[in-house]
Each structure stands twice: as C-alpha cells, then as structure tokens.
Amino acid sequence: MLLSKILGGIKVIESNAKPQTEIGGISYDSRKTQPGDIFVAISGFETDGHKYIEAALKNGAAVILCERKPQCECSFVVTDNSRYALAIASKNFFDDPAGKMTVIGLTGTNGKTTTSYLLKHIIEECTGAKTGLVGTINNLIGSEIIPTEHTTPESFELQKLLAEMNDAGCSYVIMEVSSHSLKLDRVAGIRFDVAEFTNLTQDHLDFHKSMDDYAASKKKLFSCCNTACINLDDEWSSYFLDGLSCMVNTYSIQDSSAEYYADEILCTEKGASFTVHYKNECRNVHIPIPGLFSVHNALGALAVCCSAGLDFNSCCDALCSAKGVKGRLEIVDSEEDFTVIIDYAHTPDALKNVLNTLRPLTKGRLITLFGCGGDRDRTKRSIMGSVAAELSDLCIVTSDNPRTEDPIEIIHDIMPGVYAYNTPYTVISDRIEAIHWAIDNAARGDVILLAGKGHEDYQIIGHVKHHMDEREIVSSYLKGKDR
C-alpha cells in the first residue's frame, strides 16, 4: 500500500518520505519489524519507541512514523500523536473493515461481558448473521475462539481482527470498549453504529488517577457513535447524556420515562423475569441468569439491538433462550449439599451486586472467597474487604493475581475493610489452599462464592501466567473427598 494512503487522516508536521513509497506492513515493536514496514514509534508508559528507531531500521523499516524527528538518516514522518496515528494508519492499511460491518460498542465498569454475549445471541437468533465479538473472555469470529490478552486489543491488532471478521463474513461486531483503549486511542477511527453505557463505579484508578478522568475516557466512545444507549439508573448517566450530539435511547428499571422500561421484576435462583415497555408495546421476558443486574443487562441489550434496527418482539423472544456466561454467576456442577459459584466480580460494586443477588438464594451461610489484583488500584482493596465482610457470613481472604506484588501485602491492604465488621474471617494467601479450606468447612445449604477470577484459567505471579482453573480445582478436590 502506498504511504500516501496509509497517512490519510493523519496530521503530518514534517516529512522527508516519498508519498509513493510502497509499505508492506505496520509495526510498533522493533523486534517484530519486517522489511518494508512503516515503524510507529510510540512514547509508552514503560519505554519510548523512539529509542528503537535504529533497531527498526536495521530490521528493514522503510519509513518511521514518530513524534520527534529521528537523529539518524532515514525516511520519516513526524506527527503530533503517534498512538492516534497508529490507529488511523492501521485502519487505512486494512481498508477500514469496521466501516463494512455494523459495529456495537459497550463501555462501563460492570456488565459489559454478559451484555455482549446477550447481544451476540439476540443478533444471531434474529438475523442469522455471522457475528464477531471483541471481549474480555475471548474474541469470537462466529463460533471460532480467538484468545485475547486485553479487553480491547492495541489498534493494529484490533484492525487486523476486524479485517479477519469481515473476511469471514461477519455482518455485526460487538466490542467491549475499555477505558484504557479509549484514553490510548486504540479505537480511534472506528465509527460505532450503536454504543452503550452500562454503569460507572470505582476501578482502574491506578491508571486513570481519578473518577473524573475514568469517566471522561469512557465518554469518548459517544463522540464517535450514531446512537447512544444510556442506563438512566446509574448516577453517572446525566454526565454521559450531557452534550451528546448523536441519537439517544435510554433504559431503566426506575424511571418510566426511559425508552425501554422494565417493571414487575421477579428474581429467583432460576433467573429473572420482568415486563419491558417500549413505545406502545410491552412484553414479558425471562432470562435464565439470576440477579437484578441481569435485568439491567438484558434491558440494555434490548435497547442496543432495537437501536441497530432489529425487531422488538423478536429480540424479546431471543432473550428468553439466552444462556449464562462463563465465570458470571457460574455454578460448579457437583452433588454436594452446598453450592460453589464462580464469578468475575473484582470491583466493590460488582462484588456488592453478586452478594446481594446470592443472599436471598442462600439457605445457609454465604461464604465469600476473594482477593485483589496486584499492580492495580490499591484504593479499592479495603473497600472490597468492607463489602465482603458486610454482606457475607464468612470471609476467606486470599490472592487474586498478585503479579509483581507480595500477596501478603495486598491482603494487608484488604483487611482494614474486613476489620470494620464482626464477620468471621480467615486468611489463606494460597488461593488453591483457600478453596480447599472453603470446601472442607462448608455445611448444608451454604453458598461459596469464588470471586475475582471468573472466566480466567490462570493466575499471574510475577510476570508469568500459571494454569489455575477454579472449576478444575473444585471438581478435583470434591472427587478426592468422595474417595
């Protein structure tokens, strides 16, 4: 592809590169640079890509795209934001694949993953169309699973994935859009047909430093969408609604003025039932996923699908046949007289929602096993401890993904919240041992919540991922006890 086409939409401050230069690929890691590539030098958090310009040139880079004029002899293009430039260049290189599909974006602290799977199910049931998904658990092209490292990939990998989806015949793409990806311009250049705001609670303050910055990053999504779907029940909804120039649809279980409003809500251990009102129509809906937040997720999915042009009644029919999501209120199969549930809840609000959902379904004790991730927001740790202690009958404080932090130090940060209540607790830093202890000490009617890991089948210690699937741990230990 000609350099001039790759640079379309990118602000060029200075350049000595020939517009007719043929570019074979794009790289932003000099170790992966191939002959004929345009190398994009990004000023990152851990290192500065400008330091590796000479390494990229040695590997055959034809042109350098950067923010500072290189000190060595080479063909270069200077721009004001190389992260943004990488996203636009990647979009151009893959011929704007998102523009050839209906693209739906979801942002918010909680609910994105479950909502994304509900959306995929509804769209495929209603249209029969092949649908791609970019998300936390996996990326999907139809039913093909593509492993993922980040909720939203870096812009080049994202555009490459979108191109693969388009080539595979996907008509729709559902994307979980993280605050990181919005702040770091990973989705720059993508026009979303519909974007949804689910909710906003404390998370990722290690990166954003403030809730205002966290919210502002997420709001960027609604400057590049055609229709916004906003959860009116969230306290941040007015902030997200303010100043929007796109079409807006709202949903709520509290405000009957919302375009999509649910009432007559009944939550049981078998799921949630409710009546949804839209324009002059109303429908009874049942989803096999328990919890009031599941009603919010389902209502948001309805709003998004109808905003994308799907029939309201067909969407309601499809919702009734939806299934749960791995690691979201997932019951581990067993013949025990107690229940083990795995959930991804790793923020105070998510943990609160899950515990409030499980409380009326628990006949014995509600036992919560949890930890907090290392190298992440430290301010939420004691809050997590407080939520768990307030809403549980027994707390087991353990490790999550400690990463480069000492697990004991992370637990020390959690404990002040636990100490604020008289709830019985135990501390077992080894998560596998903690799970075994929970099982050994469970009684008839108890519910054990394994919170934080959810769909993950690994634990990150240092910089290494170690295999650890809580389903396997529970099942294996129960079989051993049976013997």
Protein backbone atom coordinates (compact mmCIF):
# COMPACT_ATOMS: atom_id res chain seq x y z
CA MET A 1 0.00 0.00 0.00
CA LEU A 2 1.26 3.49 -0.83
CA LEU A 3 2.48 5.62 2.07
CA SER A 4 0.16 8.43 1.00
CA LYS A 5 -2.88 6.19 1.52
CA ILE A 6 -1.65 4.93 4.91
CA LEU A 7 -1.21 8.54 6.07
CA GLY A 8 -4.75 9.57 5.11
CA GLY A 9 -6.35 11.39 8.06
CA ILE A 10 -3.06 11.69 9.98
CA LYS A 11 -1.65 15.12 10.80
CA VAL A 12 1.81 15.43 9.22
CA ILE A 13 4.04 18.04 10.86
CA GLU A 14 7.23 17.28 8.94
CA SER A 15 8.27 14.61 6.47
CA ASN A 16 11.01 13.69 4.03
CA ALA A 17 9.37 10.41 2.98
CA LYS A 18 8.15 9.92 -0.59
CA PRO A 19 4.35 9.58 -0.77
CA GLN A 20 4.71 6.86 -3.42
CA THR A 21 6.76 4.62 -1.09
CA GLU A 22 5.27 1.13 -1.05
CA ILE A 23 4.56 -0.04 2.51
CA GLY A 24 4.31 -3.76 3.21
CA GLY A 25 3.17 -3.68 6.84
CA ILE A 26 2.90 -1.75 10.09
CA SER A 27 4.84 -2.39 13.28
CA TYR A 28 5.27 -0.63 16.61
CA ASP A 29 7.65 -3.19 18.17
CA SER A 30 11.08 -3.02 16.53
CA ARG A 31 11.62 -6.74 17.26
CA LYS A 32 8.68 -7.57 15.01
CA THR A 33 9.53 -5.09 12.25
CA GLN A 34 9.74 -6.61 8.77
CA PRO A 35 11.42 -5.24 5.63
CA GLY A 36 9.17 -2.63 4.02
CA ASP A 37 7.23 -1.81 7.21
CA ILE A 38 6.32 1.60 8.49
CA PHE A 39 7.54 1.62 12.09
CA VAL A 40 5.44 3.68 14.51
CA ALA A 41 7.46 5.00 17.45
CA ILE A 42 5.13 5.29 20.45
CA SER A 43 6.01 7.05 23.69
CA GLY A 44 4.76 4.38 26.09
CA PHE A 45 4.49 4.07 29.86
CA GLU A 46 7.35 1.60 30.26
CA THR A 47 9.57 2.60 27.35
CA ASP A 48 9.81 5.07 24.48
CA GLY A 49 9.55 3.66 20.97
CA HIS A 50 11.79 6.45 19.68
CA LYS A 51 14.71 4.65 21.35
CA TYR A 52 14.21 1.73 18.98
CA ILE A 53 14.10 3.56 15.66
CA GLU A 54 17.60 2.40 14.67
CA ALA A 55 16.70 -1.21 15.60
CA ALA A 56 13.61 -0.97 13.40
CA LEU A 57 15.69 0.40 10.54
CA LYS A 58 18.16 -2.48 10.89
CA ASN A 59 15.21 -4.86 10.56
CA GLY A 60 14.19 -3.20 7.31
CA ALA A 61 11.72 -0.45 8.20
CA ALA A 62 11.08 1.69 5.12
CA VAL A 63 9.59 4.69 6.93
CA ILE A 64 9.49 5.89 10.55
CA LEU A 65 6.27 7.48 11.86
CA CYS A 66 7.13 9.36 15.04
CA GLU A 67 6.59 12.41 17.25
CA ARG A 68 10.22 13.61 17.19
CA LYS A 69 12.47 13.90 14.15
CA PRO A 70 14.91 10.95 14.16
CA GLN A 71 18.59 11.69 14.81
CA CYS A 72 19.69 9.19 12.17
CA GLU A 73 19.35 9.23 8.39
CA CYS A 74 16.04 7.70 7.34
CA SER A 75 12.68 8.35 5.70
CA PHE A 76 10.41 9.76 8.37
CA VAL A 77 7.03 11.33 9.05
CA VAL A 78 6.55 13.43 12.19
CA THR A 79 3.07 13.67 13.70
CA ASP A 80 1.69 15.06 16.96
CA ASN A 81 0.29 11.80 18.40
CA SER A 82 1.81 8.52 17.28
CA ARG A 83 -0.72 6.39 19.19
CA TYR A 84 -3.55 8.03 17.30
CA ALA A 85 -1.54 7.79 14.11
CA LEU A 86 -1.04 4.04 14.63
CA ALA A 87 -4.81 3.57 14.89
CA ILE A 88 -5.58 5.57 11.74
CA ALA A 89 -2.71 4.04 9.77
CA SER A 90 -3.90 0.56 10.77
CA LYS A 91 -7.47 1.40 9.77
CA ASN A 92 -6.21 2.60 6.37
CA PHE A 93 -3.92 -0.39 5.90
CA PHE A 94 -6.79 -2.85 6.42
CA ASP A 95 -9.18 -0.71 4.34
CA ASP A 96 -11.50 0.30 7.21
CA PRO A 97 -13.06 -3.10 7.95
CA ALA A 98 -15.33 -1.66 10.68
CA GLY A 99 -16.98 0.55 8.07
CA LYS A 100 -18.20 -2.58 6.26
CA MET A 101 -19.99 -4.05 9.29
CA THR A 102 -22.48 -2.92 11.94
CA VAL A 103 -20.32 -2.15 14.97
CA ILE A 104 -21.67 -2.07 18.52
CA GLY A 105 -19.56 -0.75 21.39
CA LEU A 106 -20.11 -1.34 25.11
CA THR A 107 -18.45 0.64 27.86
CA GLY A 108 -18.92 0.74 31.62
CA THR A 109 -17.38 -0.80 34.71
CA ASN A 110 -19.62 -3.85 35.05
CA GLY A 111 -21.97 -5.81 32.82
CA LYS A 112 -20.11 -5.45 29.51
CA THR A 113 -19.23 -9.13 29.06
CA THR A 114 -22.64 -10.56 29.93
CA THR A 115 -24.33 -7.92 27.79
CA SER A 116 -22.01 -8.64 24.87
CA TYR A 117 -22.94 -12.34 24.92
CA LEU A 118 -26.63 -11.49 25.20
CA LEU A 119 -26.24 -9.21 22.19
CA LYS A 120 -24.45 -11.87 20.15
CA HIS A 121 -27.19 -14.38 20.96
CA ILE A 122 -30.02 -11.96 20.10
CA ILE A 123 -28.46 -10.81 16.82
CA GLU A 124 -27.72 -14.33 15.63
CA GLU A 125 -31.17 -15.58 16.64
CA CYS A 126 -32.99 -12.66 15.00
CA THR A 127 -30.93 -12.25 11.83
CA GLY A 128 -28.97 -15.46 11.31
CA ALA A 129 -25.98 -13.21 10.61
CA LYS A 130 -22.44 -14.18 11.50
CA THR A 131 -21.29 -12.03 14.39
CA GLY A 132 -17.87 -11.15 15.74
CA LEU A 133 -17.13 -10.34 19.38
CA VAL A 134 -14.19 -8.48 20.90
CA GLY A 135 -14.20 -9.01 24.64
CA THR A 136 -12.70 -9.85 27.99
CA ILE A 137 -13.16 -13.62 27.90
CA ASN A 138 -12.34 -14.30 24.26
CA ASN A 139 -12.57 -12.81 20.84
CA LEU A 140 -15.02 -14.67 18.63
CA ILE A 141 -15.44 -14.88 14.87
CA GLY A 142 -18.80 -16.60 14.71
CA SER A 143 -18.15 -19.63 16.91
CA GLU A 144 -14.37 -19.63 16.39
CA ILE A 145 -12.50 -18.67 19.56
CA ILE A 146 -9.56 -16.27 19.26
CA PRO A 147 -7.63 -15.92 22.57
CA THR A 148 -7.31 -12.39 23.94
CA GLU A 149 -4.84 -10.60 26.20
CA HIS A 150 -6.68 -7.30 26.68
CA THR A 151 -10.35 -6.33 26.74
CA THR A 152 -9.67 -4.14 23.72
CA PRO A 153 -6.53 -5.02 21.70
CA GLU A 154 -3.93 -2.48 20.55
CA SER A 155 -5.16 -0.61 17.47
CA PHE A 156 -3.16 -2.55 14.86
CA GLU A 157 -4.24 -5.94 16.26
CA LEU A 158 -7.81 -4.66 16.58
CA GLN A 159 -7.98 -3.54 12.96
CA LYS A 160 -6.40 -6.82 11.86
CA LEU A 161 -9.02 -8.73 13.86
CA LEU A 162 -11.83 -6.63 12.38
CA ALA A 163 -10.49 -7.37 8.90
CA GLU A 164 -10.49 -11.10 9.67
CA MET A 165 -14.08 -10.81 10.89
CA ASN A 166 -15.13 -9.00 7.73
CA ASP A 167 -13.30 -11.52 5.51
CA ALA A 168 -15.02 -14.36 7.40
CA GLY A 169 -18.42 -12.90 6.54
CA CYS A 170 -19.37 -11.18 9.80
CA SER A 171 -22.12 -8.60 9.40
CA TYR A 172 -22.05 -7.44 13.03
CA VAL A 173 -19.27 -6.81 15.54
CA ILE A 174 -19.83 -6.41 19.27
CA MET A 175 -16.94 -4.80 21.11
CA GLU A 176 -16.24 -4.28 24.80
CA VAL A 177 -14.53 -0.91 24.75
CA SER A 178 -12.31 -0.39 27.79
CA SER A 179 -11.42 2.96 29.29
CA HIS A 180 -7.76 2.19 28.56
CA SER A 181 -8.48 1.70 24.87
CA LEU A 182 -10.39 4.98 24.66
CA LYS A 183 -7.76 7.00 26.50
CA LEU A 184 -4.96 5.39 24.48
CA ASP A 185 -6.72 5.83 21.10
CA ARG A 186 -6.89 2.12 20.33
CA VAL A 187 -10.35 2.54 18.78
CA ALA A 188 -9.61 5.85 17.06
CA GLY A 189 -11.06 5.96 13.55
CA ILE A 190 -13.84 3.47 14.27
CA ARG A 191 -17.40 4.72 13.84
CA PHE A 192 -19.77 2.81 16.12
CA ASP A 193 -23.33 2.33 14.90
CA VAL A 194 -24.56 1.92 18.49
CA ALA A 195 -22.72 2.50 21.77
CA GLU A 196 -23.96 1.61 25.26
CA PHE A 197 -23.08 2.92 28.71
CA THR A 198 -23.81 0.30 31.38
CA ASN A 199 -22.60 1.91 34.65
CA LEU A 200 -19.61 3.52 36.31
CA THR A 201 -18.08 2.56 39.66
CA GLN A 202 -14.57 2.67 41.05
CA ASP A 203 -11.99 0.71 39.06
CA HIS A 204 -8.68 1.26 37.24
CA LEU A 205 -7.72 4.29 39.32
CA ASP A 206 -4.14 3.06 39.20
CA PHE A 207 -4.26 4.12 35.54
CA HIS A 208 -6.75 6.99 35.49
CA LYS A 209 -5.87 8.51 38.91
CA SER A 210 -9.39 9.97 39.31
CA MET A 211 -13.02 9.05 38.68
CA ASP A 212 -13.36 12.17 36.54
CA ASP A 213 -10.62 11.00 34.19
CA TYR A 214 -12.07 7.47 34.19
CA ALA A 215 -15.50 8.83 33.21
CA ALA A 216 -14.10 11.24 30.62
CA SER A 217 -12.20 8.41 28.95
CA LYS A 218 -15.35 6.29 28.67
CA LYS A 219 -17.41 9.20 27.40
CA LYS A 220 -15.12 9.49 24.36
CA LEU A 221 -16.97 6.50 22.91
CA PHE A 222 -20.11 8.59 22.49
CA SER A 223 -18.37 11.18 20.33
CA CYS A 224 -17.88 8.53 17.65
CA CYS A 225 -21.23 6.73 17.54
CA ASN A 226 -24.51 7.18 15.68
CA THR A 227 -26.80 6.14 18.55
CA ALA A 228 -26.14 6.06 22.29
CA CYS A 229 -27.95 3.75 24.74
CA ILE A 230 -27.64 5.05 28.30
CA ASN A 231 -28.56 3.37 31.61
CA LEU A 232 -30.62 6.04 33.38
CA ASP A 233 -30.36 4.23 36.72
CA ASP A 234 -26.64 4.89 37.06
CA GLU A 235 -25.64 8.02 38.96
CA TRP A 236 -23.27 8.98 36.13
CA SER A 237 -26.00 8.85 33.45
CA SER A 238 -26.54 12.64 33.37
CA TYR A 239 -22.81 13.13 32.81
CA PHE A 240 -22.86 10.77 29.84
CA LEU A 241 -26.04 12.29 28.43
CA ASP A 242 -24.76 15.85 28.67
CA GLY A 243 -23.79 17.35 25.32
CA LEU A 244 -24.38 14.26 23.18
CA SER A 245 -24.92 15.12 19.51
CA CYS A 246 -25.93 11.61 18.44
CA MET A 247 -29.34 9.96 18.74
CA VAL A 248 -30.04 8.75 22.30
CA ASN A 249 -32.12 5.89 23.71
CA THR A 250 -32.34 5.30 27.45
CA TYR A 251 -33.25 2.29 29.58
CA SER A 252 -34.25 1.95 33.23
CA ILE A 253 -35.96 -0.11 35.90
CA GLN A 254 -36.66 3.02 37.96
CA ASP A 255 -37.65 5.76 35.52
CA SER A 256 -40.73 5.03 33.41
CA SER A 257 -39.84 7.89 31.05
CA ALA A 258 -36.99 5.82 29.60
CA GLU A 259 -37.48 4.49 26.09
CA TYR A 260 -37.00 0.97 27.47
CA TYR A 261 -38.51 0.48 30.92
CA ALA A 262 -38.84 -2.70 32.98
CA ASP A 263 -41.17 -3.40 35.89
CA GLU A 264 -42.89 -6.39 37.54
CA ILE A 265 -39.40 -7.78 38.20
CA LEU A 266 -39.05 -11.18 39.86
CA CYS A 267 -35.63 -12.67 40.62
CA THR A 268 -35.18 -16.32 41.65
CA GLU A 269 -32.35 -18.84 41.64
CA LYS A 270 -33.53 -19.84 38.14
CA GLY A 271 -33.21 -16.39 36.63
CA ALA A 272 -35.05 -13.11 36.31
CA SER A 273 -38.49 -12.29 34.89
CA PHE A 274 -39.77 -8.82 34.05
CA THR A 275 -42.11 -6.83 31.84
CA VAL A 276 -40.43 -4.49 29.36
CA HIS A 277 -42.22 -1.44 27.97
CA TYR A 278 -41.18 0.09 24.64
CA LYS A 279 -43.28 2.72 22.88
CA ASN A 280 -46.83 1.30 22.94
CA GLU A 281 -45.73 -2.30 23.37
CA CYS A 282 -44.97 -4.43 26.41
CA ARG A 283 -43.60 -7.94 26.69
CA ASN A 284 -42.92 -10.42 29.45
CA VAL A 285 -39.33 -11.67 29.39
CA HIS A 286 -37.49 -14.36 31.34
CA ILE A 287 -33.72 -14.79 31.26
CA PRO A 288 -32.01 -17.77 32.94
CA ILE A 289 -29.47 -15.52 34.69
CA PRO A 290 -30.29 -14.50 38.29
CA GLY A 291 -29.94 -11.04 39.73
CA LEU A 292 -31.33 -7.54 39.36
CA PHE A 293 -28.25 -6.50 37.42
CA SER A 294 -29.15 -9.21 34.91
CA VAL A 295 -32.35 -7.27 34.23
CA HIS A 296 -30.25 -4.18 33.54
CA ASN A 297 -28.01 -6.20 31.21
CA ALA A 298 -30.99 -7.66 29.34
CA LEU A 299 -32.72 -4.29 29.08
CA GLY A 300 -29.53 -2.69 27.76
CA ALA A 301 -29.16 -5.47 25.20
CA LEU A 302 -32.74 -4.90 24.02
CA ALA A 303 -32.13 -1.16 23.67
CA VAL A 304 -28.96 -1.74 21.66
CA CYS A 305 -30.46 -4.34 19.33
CA CYS A 306 -33.55 -2.26 18.60
CA SER A 307 -31.33 0.79 18.07
CA ALA A 308 -29.45 -1.29 15.50
CA GLY A 309 -32.71 -1.89 13.65
CA LEU A 310 -33.84 -5.27 14.97
CA ASP A 311 -37.49 -6.03 15.73
CA PHE A 312 -38.51 -5.52 19.38
CA ASN A 313 -40.65 -8.64 19.73
CA SER A 314 -38.09 -10.85 18.01
CA CYS A 315 -35.42 -9.55 20.39
CA CYS A 316 -37.62 -10.35 23.39
CA ASP A 317 -38.16 -13.89 22.08
CA ALA A 318 -34.40 -14.34 21.63
CA LEU A 319 -33.65 -13.09 25.14
CA CYS A 320 -35.77 -15.87 26.62
CA SER A 321 -33.50 -18.51 25.09
CA ALA A 322 -30.22 -16.85 26.14
CA LYS A 323 -27.76 -18.71 28.36
CA GLY A 324 -25.34 -17.63 31.04
CA VAL A 325 -21.71 -16.63 30.54
CA LYS A 326 -18.65 -18.50 31.78
CA GLY A 327 -17.41 -17.01 35.04
CA ARG A 328 -20.51 -14.91 35.64
CA LEU A 329 -22.58 -16.45 38.45
CA GLU A 330 -21.41 -19.83 37.16
CA ILE A 331 -22.49 -22.78 39.32
CA VAL A 332 -19.90 -25.55 39.55
CA ASP A 333 -21.57 -28.91 38.94
CA SER A 334 -21.47 -31.19 41.98
CA GLU A 335 -23.68 -33.47 44.08
CA GLU A 336 -22.78 -31.71 47.34
CA ASP A 337 -25.37 -30.24 49.70
CA PHE A 338 -23.68 -26.84 49.36
CA THR A 339 -23.17 -24.73 46.24
CA VAL A 340 -19.97 -23.31 44.73
CA ILE A 341 -20.37 -20.31 42.42
CA ILE A 342 -17.63 -18.67 40.35
CA ASP A 343 -17.91 -15.00 39.42
CA TYR A 344 -15.56 -12.42 37.93
CA ALA A 345 -16.56 -9.74 40.47
CA HIS A 346 -13.33 -7.86 41.17
CA THR A 347 -14.62 -4.36 41.91
CA PRO A 348 -16.51 -3.24 45.01
CA ASP A 349 -19.72 -2.59 43.09
CA ALA A 350 -19.60 -5.89 41.19
CA LEU A 351 -18.97 -7.82 44.43
CA LYS A 352 -21.83 -5.97 46.13
CA ASN A 353 -24.19 -6.82 43.27
CA VAL A 354 -23.27 -10.50 43.28
CA LEU A 355 -23.58 -10.86 47.06
CA ASN A 356 -26.92 -9.06 47.09
CA THR A 357 -28.08 -11.43 44.35
CA LEU A 358 -26.95 -14.53 46.21
CA ARG A 359 -28.22 -13.53 49.68
CA PRO A 360 -31.93 -14.34 49.13
CA LEU A 361 -30.95 -17.57 47.35
CA THR A 362 -28.76 -18.80 50.22
CA LYS A 363 -30.33 -21.13 52.80
CA GLY A 364 -27.19 -21.49 54.92
CA ARG A 365 -24.14 -19.24 55.11
CA LEU A 366 -22.91 -17.00 52.32
CA ILE A 367 -19.15 -17.59 52.20
CA THR A 368 -17.04 -15.21 50.11
CA LEU A 369 -13.53 -16.09 48.97
CA PHE A 370 -11.77 -13.15 47.35
CA GLY A 371 -8.58 -11.17 46.90
CA CYS A 372 -7.38 -8.16 44.92
CA GLY A 373 -5.10 -7.93 41.91
CA GLY A 374 -1.53 -6.77 42.31
CA ASP A 375 -0.18 -3.77 40.39
CA ARG A 376 -3.70 -2.38 40.24
CA ASP A 377 -5.78 0.21 42.10
CA ARG A 378 -4.81 -0.07 45.78
CA THR A 379 -7.55 2.27 46.98
CA LYS A 380 -10.30 -0.26 46.28
CA ARG A 381 -8.74 -3.05 48.36
CA SER A 382 -10.09 -2.09 51.77
CA ILE A 383 -13.43 -1.25 50.12
CA MET A 384 -13.54 -4.80 48.72
CA GLY A 385 -12.87 -6.09 52.24
CA SER A 386 -15.65 -3.94 53.64
CA VAL A 387 -18.19 -5.07 51.03
CA ALA A 388 -17.34 -8.73 51.56
CA ALA A 389 -17.48 -8.50 55.35
CA GLU A 390 -20.72 -6.53 55.40
CA LEU A 391 -22.61 -8.85 53.05
CA SER A 392 -21.14 -12.28 53.86
CA ASP A 393 -21.41 -14.67 56.78
CA LEU A 394 -17.78 -15.77 56.41
CA CYS A 395 -14.88 -14.20 54.51
CA ILE A 396 -11.86 -16.05 53.15
CA VAL A 397 -9.24 -13.51 52.14
CA THR A 398 -6.74 -14.86 49.65
CA SER A 399 -4.80 -13.96 46.47
CA ASP A 400 -6.15 -12.97 43.10
CA ASN A 401 -3.47 -12.20 40.50
CA PRO A 402 -0.66 -10.85 42.71
CA ARG A 403 1.55 -10.05 39.71
CA THR A 404 4.72 -8.36 40.98
CA GLU A 405 3.37 -7.51 44.45
CA ASP A 406 3.74 -9.56 47.62
CA PRO A 407 0.39 -11.35 48.18
CA ILE A 408 0.62 -10.76 51.93
CA GLU A 409 0.99 -7.01 51.42
CA ILE A 410 -2.09 -6.99 49.18
CA ILE A 411 -4.03 -8.83 51.90
CA HIS A 412 -2.82 -6.28 54.46
CA ASP A 413 -4.42 -3.57 52.31
CA ILE A 414 -7.71 -5.50 52.22
CA MET A 415 -8.01 -6.27 55.93
CA PRO A 416 -8.96 -2.83 57.34
CA GLY A 417 -12.27 -3.16 55.50
CA VAL A 418 -12.82 -6.63 56.95
CA TYR A 419 -11.95 -5.47 60.48
CA ALA A 420 -14.73 -2.87 60.30
CA TYR A 421 -17.28 -5.68 60.78
CA ASN A 422 -17.63 -8.59 63.17
CA THR A 423 -17.92 -11.08 60.33
CA PRO A 424 -15.85 -14.25 60.89
CA TYR A 425 -12.87 -14.46 58.53
CA THR A 426 -9.77 -16.44 57.74
CA VAL A 427 -6.70 -15.52 55.72
CA ILE A 428 -5.09 -18.09 53.41
CA SER A 429 -2.81 -16.46 50.85
CA ASP A 430 -2.54 -19.55 48.61
CA ARG A 431 -5.75 -19.46 46.56
CA ILE A 432 -5.89 -23.21 45.94
CA GLU A 433 -5.48 -23.94 49.65
CA ALA A 434 -8.14 -21.33 50.37
CA ILE A 435 -10.60 -23.05 48.01
CA HIS A 436 -9.89 -26.41 49.66
CA TRP A 437 -10.47 -24.86 53.09
CA ALA A 438 -13.78 -23.38 51.96
CA ILE A 439 -14.98 -26.76 50.75
CA ASP A 440 -13.79 -28.53 53.92
CA ASN A 441 -15.69 -26.06 56.09
CA ALA A 442 -18.90 -25.79 54.07
CA ALA A 443 -22.18 -27.08 55.52
CA ARG A 444 -25.56 -27.97 54.09
CA GLY A 445 -27.23 -25.01 52.39
CA ASP A 446 -24.07 -22.88 52.25
CA VAL A 447 -23.13 -20.94 49.12
CA ILE A 448 -19.42 -20.46 48.46
CA LEU A 449 -18.65 -17.54 46.16
CA LEU A 450 -15.24 -17.68 44.49
CA ALA A 451 -14.93 -14.04 43.46
CA GLY A 452 -12.46 -12.32 41.17
CA LYS A 453 -11.18 -14.90 38.70
CA GLY A 454 -14.35 -15.76 36.80
CA HIS A 455 -13.53 -17.00 33.30
CA GLU A 456 -9.77 -16.86 33.88
CA ASP A 457 -8.00 -20.21 33.91
CA TYR A 458 -4.69 -18.83 35.15
CA GLN A 459 -3.07 -16.92 37.98
CA ILE A 460 -0.45 -14.25 37.28
CA ILE A 461 2.50 -14.41 39.67
CA GLY A 462 5.30 -12.02 38.78
CA HIS A 463 5.03 -11.72 35.01
CA VAL A 464 4.16 -15.39 34.49
CA LYS A 465 0.73 -16.94 33.93
CA HIS A 466 0.31 -20.22 35.79
CA HIS A 467 -2.57 -22.53 34.88
CA MET A 468 -5.27 -22.36 37.54
CA ASP A 469 -8.88 -23.13 36.67
CA GLU A 470 -11.19 -22.91 39.67
CA ARG A 471 -13.66 -25.32 38.07
CA GLU A 472 -10.93 -27.96 37.88
CA ILE A 473 -9.74 -27.22 41.42
CA VAL A 474 -13.22 -27.61 42.91
CA SER A 475 -14.15 -30.69 40.88
CA SER A 476 -10.85 -32.45 41.52
CA TYR A 477 -10.94 -31.77 45.26
CA LEU A 478 -14.54 -32.92 45.58
CA LYS A 479 -13.74 -36.16 43.76
CA GLY A 480 -10.80 -36.75 46.08
CA LYS A 481 -13.02 -36.21 49.12
CA ASP A 482 -15.60 -38.64 47.75
CA ARG A 483 -13.00 -41.38 47.70
